Amino acid sequence: MNIKEILSHCDHTLLRQDAAWQEIREICDDAVHCGTASVCIPPSFVKPAADYLQGRVPVCTVIGFPNGYMTTRTKAFEAKEAIENGASEIDMVINIGWLKDRQYDRIEKEIRTLKAVCGERILKVIIETCLLTEEEKVRMCGIVTAAGADYIKTSTGFSTGGATFADVALMAAHVGERVRIKAAGGIGSLEDARKFLELGADRLGTSRIVKIVKALEEKYHLCQALNDEKVLSFYTKKPIDLNGRIFTGKEREELIRQFEEDFEYSFRAIKAPDRQVHSDRVVAITEENLYEETGPADGLVTDLRGVALKISTADCQSIFLYDPVRGVIANVHSGWRGTLQRIVLRAVEMMTGRYGCRAEDIRAYFNPSILGCSFEVEDDVIAMFYDKMDAAPYYKKDRIADGRQKYLLDTVAVNRDALLEAGLKKEHIMESGICTFCSHDEYYSYRADGRTDGRNGSVICLR
């Protein structure tokens, strides 16, 4: 499950007592940017948030919060008003005292009353698992199912504890098939989020996951189209510098430690070519050569878990290849010379020939690089492309400078078509769409930054 998918299950939450409108508006913006399932906010902010969001993200609010001991009539009034103000999801807290008194029918009746108020809108029932025995948790699974609610939710986040893996697993085993599970409270990492979803949760009540992703986005381009529980990939932003001369010794150790902390993962090794030389040479990384020199190379392939493949670029393409069926990855450096030599096809050939991959199973991802809007070349380069292919679809005339005709060359399109010819499916070829030249405030660009020594780093690893 990739980061984008995790975010789609998150109710981005702000329920602090001192939350002000500026913060509420900010989490609304974050929810839109990250594509969360909803924003979960106090009832008094529902109307302004709904007016601000205009349907871009559903608005969720809380009823009888956080203690749940309001009367049913009061809760029903709160829910009705919230819905009139624009809420499309209601998270209600049960009366825990009633549960302790074994007034099960009374709890069920209250939930039915709230569901009648909600109608087609989503009703989630918070049972505050940290205050319950296992028997009471199981009993509530049955009551929530019988009452017709849409979700059972672990916690308010305001009591003595939040969601636990054991509670979500217990709910998954006892709740009705039409009732989904929301884990909330204390979800502090992407790994936690993945585990809760794997155990059966469908929603996550959390503020931390979006914060984690935003912090990562400040440092890295996240290749969300590839990242899941089996593969980790990212592309660094300034000021992180992965120039080969810098990625050694103490600096290397510090960068690896930073990557491991940021992505909550410990690498077995990070492997890079000894030198990138704009060739078509691709090296397979195996147990036998893992700690040996690669020699000059511009592509790496492996099926070793925990071994990251690193390429450094500052306008050239870095292309990730990933076969989720066979568990094989590649990282390919392809400047215009590598593109001309079809290095990306050499990598595909190694994956299919040596590792038994099928082209139709391979996913490709084009990281940020200089794009056709900015990659300026002259007649000599265009002539070399014509020697290898019908180059007409891949360039257009640009300006004349110093009496020489300039052209804009789209090498990403050349490699994209090469991958299609190799048998990759169109829907499996994905692109960042980011031009390093145009975005040189975020990424190193050899051309925009004046022949900089700084290098962006692309890293892909089988977990």
Protein backbone atom coordinates (compact mmCIF):
# COMPACT_ATOMS: atom_id res chain seq x y z
CA MET A 1 0.00 0.00 0.00
CA ASN A 2 1.57 3.27 -1.10
CA ILE A 3 1.45 6.62 0.70
CA LYS A 4 -1.32 7.96 -1.53
CA GLU A 5 -3.51 4.96 -0.69
CA ILE A 6 -2.83 5.35 3.03
CA LEU A 7 -3.83 9.02 2.87
CA SER A 8 -7.08 8.10 1.13
CA HIS A 9 -8.07 6.21 4.29
CA CYS A 10 -7.23 9.05 6.69
CA ASP A 11 -9.71 11.33 8.42
CA HIS A 12 -7.36 14.30 8.81
CA THR A 13 -8.21 15.39 12.33
CA LEU A 14 -8.02 18.53 14.47
CA LEU A 15 -10.16 18.41 17.63
CA ARG A 16 -8.00 20.35 20.09
CA GLN A 17 -9.94 22.64 22.42
CA ASP A 18 -7.90 25.68 21.36
CA ALA A 19 -8.11 25.05 17.60
CA ALA A 20 -8.75 28.29 15.72
CA TRP A 21 -10.13 28.92 12.23
CA GLN A 22 -6.71 29.52 10.68
CA GLU A 23 -5.61 26.01 11.74
CA ILE A 24 -8.89 24.49 10.56
CA ARG A 25 -8.45 26.11 7.16
CA GLU A 26 -4.89 24.82 6.98
CA ILE A 27 -5.92 21.22 7.62
CA CYS A 28 -8.64 21.62 5.00
CA ASP A 29 -5.95 22.70 2.52
CA ASP A 30 -3.75 19.79 3.58
CA ALA A 31 -6.64 17.36 3.14
CA VAL A 32 -7.27 18.58 -0.40
CA HIS A 33 -3.56 18.43 -1.25
CA CYS A 34 -3.09 14.95 0.20
CA GLY A 35 -6.41 13.45 -0.89
CA THR A 36 -7.57 12.35 2.56
CA ALA A 37 -10.92 10.65 3.16
CA SER A 38 -12.22 13.62 5.17
CA VAL A 39 -11.39 16.38 7.60
CA CYS A 40 -12.60 15.68 11.14
CA ILE A 41 -13.20 18.95 13.00
CA PRO A 42 -15.23 20.40 15.90
CA PRO A 43 -18.95 21.03 15.21
CA SER A 44 -18.62 24.81 15.48
CA PHE A 45 -16.32 24.85 12.45
CA VAL A 46 -18.42 22.60 10.20
CA LYS A 47 -20.25 25.38 8.35
CA PRO A 48 -17.25 27.59 7.56
CA ALA A 49 -15.20 24.52 6.60
CA ALA A 50 -17.94 23.16 4.33
CA ASP A 51 -18.32 26.59 2.70
CA TYR A 52 -14.54 26.80 2.25
CA LEU A 53 -14.08 23.28 0.88
CA GLN A 54 -17.04 23.35 -1.51
CA GLY A 55 -17.19 19.57 -1.66
CA ARG A 56 -13.50 19.02 -2.40
CA VAL A 57 -13.17 16.88 0.75
CA PRO A 58 -15.98 15.53 2.97
CA VAL A 59 -16.44 17.21 6.36
CA CYS A 60 -16.65 14.93 9.41
CA THR A 61 -17.48 16.09 12.92
CA VAL A 62 -17.94 14.63 16.41
CA ILE A 63 -21.10 14.29 18.47
CA GLY A 64 -21.35 13.72 22.24
CA PHE A 65 -17.61 14.28 22.27
CA PRO A 66 -15.45 13.24 24.02
CA ASN A 67 -17.26 11.66 27.00
CA GLY A 68 -20.49 10.44 25.41
CA TYR A 69 -22.72 10.98 28.44
CA MET A 70 -25.02 13.59 26.85
CA THR A 71 -28.63 12.56 26.40
CA THR A 72 -29.73 10.88 23.19
CA ARG A 73 -31.92 13.88 22.43
CA THR A 74 -28.93 16.21 22.76
CA LYS A 75 -26.80 14.03 20.50
CA ALA A 76 -29.55 13.86 17.91
CA PHE A 77 -29.85 17.66 17.94
CA GLU A 78 -26.07 18.05 17.55
CA ALA A 79 -26.03 15.61 14.62
CA LYS A 80 -28.99 17.27 12.88
CA GLU A 81 -27.42 20.72 13.19
CA ALA A 82 -24.02 19.44 11.96
CA ILE A 83 -25.64 17.87 8.90
CA GLU A 84 -27.56 21.07 8.16
CA ASN A 85 -24.25 22.93 8.37
CA GLY A 86 -22.61 20.66 5.81
CA ALA A 87 -21.23 17.60 7.64
CA SER A 88 -21.38 14.40 5.60
CA GLU A 89 -19.90 12.14 8.29
CA ILE A 90 -20.76 11.93 12.01
CA ASP A 91 -18.55 10.33 14.68
CA MET A 92 -20.65 9.78 17.83
CA VAL A 93 -19.44 8.67 21.27
CA ILE A 94 -21.46 6.01 23.10
CA ASN A 95 -22.57 6.35 26.71
CA ILE A 96 -19.92 4.15 28.31
CA GLY A 97 -21.74 4.18 31.65
CA TRP A 98 -24.69 2.47 29.96
CA LEU A 99 -22.32 -0.20 28.65
CA LYS A 100 -20.88 -0.77 32.13
CA ASP A 101 -24.48 -1.06 33.43
CA ARG A 102 -25.20 -3.59 30.64
CA GLN A 103 -27.94 -1.39 29.19
CA TYR A 104 -27.28 -2.82 25.73
CA ASP A 105 -30.75 -2.14 24.30
CA ARG A 106 -30.48 1.50 25.33
CA ILE A 107 -27.14 1.87 23.52
CA GLU A 108 -28.50 0.20 20.40
CA LYS A 109 -31.57 2.41 20.42
CA GLU A 110 -29.40 5.54 20.68
CA ILE A 111 -27.24 4.46 17.75
CA ARG A 112 -30.39 3.72 15.71
CA THR A 113 -31.68 7.19 16.55
CA LEU A 114 -28.46 8.82 15.39
CA LYS A 115 -28.40 6.71 12.21
CA ALA A 116 -31.95 7.82 11.43
CA VAL A 117 -30.78 11.44 11.73
CA CYS A 118 -27.79 10.74 9.46
CA GLY A 119 -29.77 8.89 6.81
CA GLU A 120 -27.43 8.14 3.90
CA ARG A 121 -24.59 10.01 5.55
CA ILE A 122 -21.88 8.02 7.31
CA LEU A 123 -22.23 7.30 11.04
CA LYS A 124 -19.21 6.12 13.02
CA VAL A 125 -19.63 4.88 16.59
CA ILE A 126 -16.78 5.57 19.02
CA ILE A 127 -16.62 2.95 21.78
CA GLU A 128 -13.42 4.10 23.60
CA THR A 129 -11.71 0.72 23.68
CA CYS A 130 -9.15 1.75 26.32
CA LEU A 131 -11.95 1.81 28.91
CA LEU A 132 -13.53 -1.51 27.94
CA THR A 133 -12.96 -5.16 28.67
CA GLU A 134 -12.56 -7.59 25.80
CA GLU A 135 -16.07 -8.88 26.45
CA GLU A 136 -17.44 -5.32 26.21
CA LYS A 137 -15.57 -4.67 22.96
CA VAL A 138 -17.02 -7.82 21.41
CA ARG A 139 -20.49 -6.90 22.70
CA MET A 140 -20.20 -3.46 21.09
CA CYS A 141 -19.27 -5.04 17.75
CA GLY A 142 -22.61 -6.81 17.84
CA ILE A 143 -24.58 -3.75 18.97
CA VAL A 144 -23.06 -1.45 16.31
CA THR A 145 -23.80 -4.07 13.66
CA ALA A 146 -27.40 -4.56 14.79
CA ALA A 147 -28.02 -0.80 15.00
CA GLY A 148 -27.05 -0.27 11.37
CA ALA A 149 -24.12 2.11 11.84
CA ASP A 150 -21.51 2.36 9.12
CA TYR A 151 -18.34 2.20 11.26
CA ILE A 152 -17.16 1.16 14.67
CA LYS A 153 -14.37 3.42 15.90
CA THR A 154 -11.79 2.60 18.55
CA SER A 155 -11.16 5.88 20.36
CA THR A 156 -11.70 9.58 20.83
CA GLY A 157 -8.00 10.24 21.32
CA PHE A 158 -8.91 12.12 24.51
CA SER A 159 -8.99 9.24 27.00
CA THR A 160 -6.32 6.99 28.51
CA GLY A 161 -5.31 5.32 25.26
CA GLY A 162 -5.84 5.10 21.53
CA ALA A 163 -6.10 2.43 18.88
CA THR A 164 -4.16 -0.81 19.27
CA PHE A 165 -3.45 -3.51 16.73
CA ALA A 166 -5.09 -6.08 19.03
CA ASP A 167 -8.33 -4.09 19.24
CA VAL A 168 -8.59 -3.64 15.47
CA ALA A 169 -7.94 -7.35 14.93
CA LEU A 170 -10.61 -8.16 17.54
CA MET A 171 -13.13 -5.87 15.86
CA ALA A 172 -12.37 -7.34 12.45
CA ALA A 173 -13.16 -10.80 13.83
CA HIS A 174 -16.49 -9.84 15.42
CA VAL A 175 -18.08 -6.92 13.57
CA GLY A 176 -20.69 -7.52 10.86
CA GLU A 177 -19.56 -7.64 7.24
CA ARG A 178 -21.31 -4.34 6.39
CA VAL A 179 -19.67 -2.45 9.25
CA ARG A 180 -16.24 -0.99 8.71
CA ILE A 181 -13.57 -0.12 11.28
CA LYS A 182 -11.95 3.20 12.11
CA ALA A 183 -8.76 3.19 14.18
CA ALA A 184 -8.06 6.48 15.94
CA GLY A 185 -5.70 7.84 18.56
CA GLY A 186 -1.93 7.45 18.69
CA ILE A 187 -1.31 6.48 15.04
CA GLY A 188 2.18 7.91 14.83
CA SER A 189 3.90 6.49 11.76
CA LEU A 190 3.31 5.29 8.20
CA GLU A 191 4.22 1.79 9.34
CA ASP A 192 1.52 1.95 12.04
CA ALA A 193 -0.98 3.16 9.46
CA ARG A 194 -0.16 0.30 7.08
CA LYS A 195 -0.47 -2.25 9.87
CA PHE A 196 -3.88 -0.97 11.01
CA LEU A 197 -5.17 -1.08 7.44
CA GLU A 198 -3.76 -4.58 6.91
CA LEU A 199 -5.52 -5.75 10.09
CA GLY A 200 -8.87 -4.59 8.79
CA ALA A 201 -9.28 -0.88 9.50
CA ASP A 202 -10.83 1.13 6.67
CA ARG A 203 -10.37 4.59 8.18
CA LEU A 204 -7.66 6.13 10.32
CA GLY A 205 -8.36 9.08 12.59
CA THR A 206 -5.06 10.93 12.72
CA SER A 207 -3.35 14.27 12.32
CA ARG A 208 0.18 12.87 12.25
CA ILE A 209 0.16 11.00 8.93
CA VAL A 210 -0.46 14.14 6.87
CA LYS A 211 2.23 15.95 8.89
CA ILE A 212 4.68 13.11 8.21
CA VAL A 213 3.93 13.20 4.48
CA LYS A 214 4.25 16.99 4.32
CA ALA A 215 7.62 16.81 6.07
CA LEU A 216 8.77 14.16 3.58
CA GLU A 217 7.57 16.25 0.63
CA GLU A 218 9.79 19.12 1.75
CA LYS A 219 12.85 16.88 1.28
CA TYR A 220 11.83 14.39 -1.40
CA HIS A 221 9.73 13.82 -4.46
CA LEU A 222 7.71 10.79 -3.36
CA CYS A 223 7.15 8.28 -6.14
CA GLN A 224 3.73 7.39 -4.83
CA ALA A 225 2.71 5.51 -7.95
CA LEU A 226 5.27 2.81 -7.06
CA ASN A 227 5.61 2.90 -3.28
CA ASP A 228 3.78 0.19 -1.39
CA GLU A 229 4.50 -2.37 1.31
CA LYS A 230 6.99 -4.10 -1.03
CA VAL A 231 8.97 -1.21 -2.51
CA LEU A 232 10.30 2.14 -1.31
CA SER A 233 11.38 4.81 -3.77
CA PHE A 234 12.13 8.52 -3.61
CA TYR A 235 13.98 11.35 -5.37
CA THR A 236 15.82 13.93 -3.28
CA LYS A 237 15.35 17.69 -3.36
CA LYS A 238 17.77 20.50 -2.57
CA PRO A 239 19.72 20.88 -0.33
CA ILE A 240 20.28 17.11 -0.06
CA ASP A 241 23.23 16.44 -2.38
CA LEU A 242 23.97 12.95 -3.65
CA ASN A 243 26.96 13.79 -5.80
CA GLY A 244 29.10 10.66 -5.89
CA ARG A 245 32.05 12.54 -4.41
CA ILE A 246 29.91 13.56 -1.43
CA PHE A 247 28.09 10.25 -0.97
CA THR A 248 31.11 8.68 0.72
CA GLY A 249 32.52 8.29 4.20
CA LYS A 250 30.92 10.13 7.09
CA GLU A 251 28.61 12.16 4.83
CA ARG A 252 27.28 8.93 3.32
CA GLU A 253 26.60 7.46 6.77
CA GLU A 254 24.75 10.61 7.83
CA LEU A 255 22.61 10.64 4.69
CA ILE A 256 21.72 6.97 5.04
CA ARG A 257 20.78 7.56 8.68
CA GLN A 258 18.57 10.47 7.57
CA PHE A 259 16.87 8.32 4.91
CA GLU A 260 16.26 5.55 7.42
CA GLU A 261 14.76 7.91 9.96
CA ASP A 262 12.61 9.71 7.41
CA PHE A 263 11.22 6.55 5.82
CA GLU A 264 11.12 4.36 8.94
CA TYR A 265 13.20 1.69 7.23
CA SER A 266 16.67 0.18 7.73
CA PHE A 267 18.59 -0.48 4.54
CA ARG A 268 20.80 -3.52 4.25
CA ALA A 269 22.95 -1.60 1.76
CA ILE A 270 22.74 1.29 -0.70
CA LYS A 271 24.39 0.41 -3.99
CA ALA A 272 25.45 2.91 -6.66
CA PRO A 273 27.56 2.64 -9.82
CA ASP A 274 31.23 3.41 -9.20
CA ARG A 275 30.97 5.95 -12.00
CA GLN A 276 28.10 7.03 -14.25
CA VAL A 277 29.50 7.43 -17.76
CA HIS A 278 26.46 7.86 -20.05
CA SER A 279 26.77 4.29 -21.33
CA ASP A 280 24.31 1.45 -21.88
CA ARG A 281 25.95 -0.79 -19.27
CA VAL A 282 23.57 -2.31 -16.71
CA VAL A 283 24.85 -4.35 -13.75
CA ALA A 284 22.95 -7.01 -11.82
CA ILE A 285 23.50 -6.69 -8.06
CA THR A 286 23.67 -10.13 -6.45
CA GLU A 287 24.74 -11.64 -3.13
CA GLU A 288 28.10 -12.44 -4.74
CA ASN A 289 28.93 -8.91 -5.90
CA LEU A 290 26.98 -6.83 -3.35
CA TYR A 291 30.11 -5.45 -1.71
CA GLU A 292 32.28 -5.37 -4.83
CA GLU A 293 32.84 -2.49 -7.23
CA THR A 294 30.42 -2.22 -10.14
CA GLY A 295 32.86 -0.48 -12.46
CA PRO A 296 31.50 2.24 -14.78
CA ALA A 297 27.77 1.71 -15.24
CA ASP A 298 24.50 3.58 -15.69
CA GLY A 299 21.94 1.03 -14.63
CA LEU A 300 21.49 -1.37 -11.72
CA VAL A 301 19.09 -4.30 -11.32
CA THR A 302 18.46 -6.51 -8.28
CA ASP A 303 16.03 -8.84 -6.58
CA LEU A 304 17.72 -8.48 -3.17
CA ARG A 305 15.49 -7.18 -0.41
CA GLY A 306 16.82 -4.31 1.66
CA VAL A 307 19.36 -3.33 -1.01
CA ALA A 308 18.68 0.16 -2.37
CA LEU A 309 19.81 1.18 -5.84
CA LYS A 310 20.98 4.80 -6.13
CA ILE A 311 21.52 6.97 -9.21
CA SER A 312 22.67 10.61 -9.16
CA THR A 313 21.37 13.15 -11.69
CA ALA A 314 21.08 16.87 -12.31
CA ASP A 315 18.83 17.02 -15.42
CA CYS A 316 19.36 13.51 -16.79
CA GLN A 317 16.58 10.99 -16.40
CA SER A 318 16.43 8.47 -13.60
CA ILE A 319 13.94 5.75 -14.49
CA PHE A 320 12.68 3.27 -11.94
CA LEU A 321 11.56 -0.17 -13.11
CA TYR A 322 9.66 -2.50 -10.82
CA ASP A 323 8.15 -5.94 -11.34
CA PRO A 324 5.79 -6.64 -8.41
CA VAL A 325 5.22 -10.19 -9.59
CA ARG A 326 8.83 -11.39 -9.61
CA GLY A 327 10.09 -8.88 -7.05
CA VAL A 328 12.75 -7.18 -9.20
CA ILE A 329 13.76 -3.50 -9.39
CA ALA A 330 16.04 -1.39 -11.56
CA ASN A 331 17.34 2.17 -11.47
CA VAL A 332 18.49 3.58 -14.80
CA HIS A 333 20.49 6.73 -15.55
CA SER A 334 19.59 7.98 -19.02
CA GLY A 335 20.93 11.28 -20.31
CA TRP A 336 20.58 11.98 -24.01
CA ARG A 337 23.51 9.69 -24.76
CA GLY A 338 22.03 6.87 -22.69
CA THR A 339 18.67 7.46 -24.35
CA LEU A 340 20.34 7.21 -27.75
CA GLN A 341 21.94 3.91 -26.71
CA ARG A 342 18.57 2.64 -25.39
CA ILE A 343 19.89 1.86 -21.92
CA VAL A 344 16.37 1.55 -20.54
CA LEU A 345 15.84 -1.37 -22.93
CA ARG A 346 19.05 -3.00 -21.70
CA ALA A 347 17.59 -2.87 -18.19
CA VAL A 348 14.28 -4.39 -19.33
CA GLU A 349 16.19 -7.11 -21.21
CA MET A 350 18.13 -7.96 -18.06
CA MET A 351 14.94 -8.13 -16.01
CA THR A 352 13.22 -10.41 -18.52
CA GLY A 353 16.27 -12.48 -19.48
CA ARG A 354 18.09 -12.94 -16.20
CA TYR A 355 15.22 -12.65 -13.70
CA GLY A 356 12.31 -14.10 -15.66
CA CYS A 357 10.17 -10.96 -15.56
CA ARG A 358 7.45 -10.39 -18.11
CA ALA A 359 7.43 -6.98 -19.78
CA GLU A 360 3.69 -6.59 -19.20
CA ASP A 361 4.24 -6.89 -15.43
CA ILE A 362 6.94 -4.20 -15.23
CA ARG A 363 6.07 -0.73 -13.92
CA ALA A 364 8.16 2.27 -14.98
CA TYR A 365 8.43 5.64 -13.28
CA PHE A 366 10.17 8.69 -14.74
CA ASN A 367 11.59 10.84 -11.95
CA PRO A 368 12.05 14.62 -12.31
CA SER A 369 14.45 15.49 -15.13
CA ILE A 370 14.86 18.16 -17.77
CA LEU A 371 11.82 17.91 -20.04
CA GLY A 372 11.08 18.75 -23.65
CA CYS A 373 10.03 22.26 -22.65
CA SER A 374 13.61 23.12 -21.67
CA PHE A 375 16.13 20.60 -23.07
CA GLU A 376 17.91 22.62 -25.72
CA VAL A 377 20.23 20.92 -28.24
CA GLU A 378 21.75 21.72 -31.62
CA ASP A 379 22.00 20.09 -35.05
CA ASP A 380 24.69 17.59 -34.05
CA VAL A 381 22.52 15.92 -31.40
CA ILE A 382 19.44 15.88 -33.62
CA ALA A 383 21.51 14.25 -36.38
CA MET A 384 22.65 11.51 -34.01
CA PHE A 385 19.05 10.74 -33.09
CA TYR A 386 18.13 10.53 -36.78
CA ASP A 387 20.93 7.98 -37.21
CA LYS A 388 19.13 5.72 -34.69
CA MET A 389 15.42 6.43 -35.29
CA ASP A 390 12.83 8.63 -36.91
CA ALA A 391 13.49 11.55 -34.59
CA ALA A 392 10.86 13.90 -36.02
CA PRO A 393 8.22 13.27 -33.31
CA TYR A 394 10.66 14.03 -30.50
CA TYR A 395 11.89 17.57 -31.17
CA LYS A 396 10.83 20.99 -32.40
CA LYS A 397 12.66 24.09 -33.54
CA ASP A 398 13.35 26.69 -30.91
CA ARG A 399 15.35 29.90 -30.97
CA ILE A 400 18.46 30.87 -32.96
CA ALA A 401 21.41 31.90 -30.79
CA ASP A 402 24.85 32.97 -31.99
CA GLY A 403 23.78 32.04 -35.48
CA ARG A 404 22.98 28.43 -34.50
CA GLN A 405 19.58 26.80 -34.59
CA LYS A 406 18.41 25.45 -31.24
CA TYR A 407 15.94 22.59 -30.81
CA LEU A 408 13.88 21.35 -27.86
CA LEU A 409 14.33 17.57 -27.51
CA ASP A 410 11.95 15.34 -25.55
CA THR A 411 14.08 12.41 -24.40
CA VAL A 412 11.39 11.27 -21.95
CA ALA A 413 9.09 10.62 -24.92
CA VAL A 414 11.86 8.64 -26.63
CA ASN A 415 12.27 6.38 -23.59
CA ARG A 416 8.52 6.12 -23.05
CA ASP A 417 8.06 4.85 -26.62
CA ALA A 418 11.01 2.47 -26.19
CA LEU A 419 9.32 0.94 -23.14
CA LEU A 420 6.07 0.53 -25.05
CA GLU A 421 7.95 -1.20 -27.85
CA ALA A 422 9.51 -3.50 -25.26
CA GLY A 423 6.04 -4.63 -24.20
CA LEU A 424 5.30 -2.53 -21.10
CA LYS A 425 1.65 -1.56 -20.76
CA LYS A 426 0.82 2.09 -21.28
CA GLU A 427 -0.95 2.26 -17.91
CA HIS A 428 2.21 0.93 -16.22
CA ILE A 429 4.38 3.82 -17.46
CA MET A 430 4.15 6.77 -15.08
CA GLU A 431 5.85 10.15 -15.06
CA SER A 432 6.48 12.80 -12.42
CA GLY A 433 5.94 15.53 -15.03
CA ILE A 434 8.47 17.70 -13.18
CA CYS A 435 11.16 19.55 -15.14
CA THR A 436 14.35 20.06 -13.11
CA PHE A 437 15.30 23.07 -15.25
CA CYS A 438 11.96 24.81 -14.62
CA SER A 439 11.97 23.73 -10.95
CA HIS A 440 15.63 24.39 -10.16
CA ASP A 441 14.59 26.14 -6.96
CA GLU A 442 13.75 22.63 -5.65
CA TYR A 443 16.02 20.35 -7.71
CA TYR A 444 19.60 20.52 -8.91
CA SER A 445 19.77 21.37 -12.61
CA TYR A 446 23.10 21.26 -14.42
CA ARG A 447 21.87 23.69 -17.05
CA ALA A 448 19.81 26.07 -14.92
CA ASP A 449 22.27 26.22 -12.01
CA GLY A 450 25.31 26.89 -14.18
CA ARG A 451 27.00 23.48 -14.43
CA THR A 452 26.42 22.75 -10.76
CA ASP A 453 28.21 19.95 -8.92
CA GLY A 454 25.04 19.32 -6.89
CA ARG A 455 23.18 16.10 -7.67
CA ASN A 456 19.68 14.84 -7.00
CA GLY A 457 19.55 11.26 -5.86
CA SER A 458 17.01 8.64 -6.87
CA VAL A 459 16.71 5.62 -4.59
CA ILE A 460 14.62 2.48 -5.00
CA CYS A 461 14.59 -0.52 -2.67
CA LEU A 462 12.69 -3.78 -2.27
CA ARG A 463 11.46 -3.88 1.32
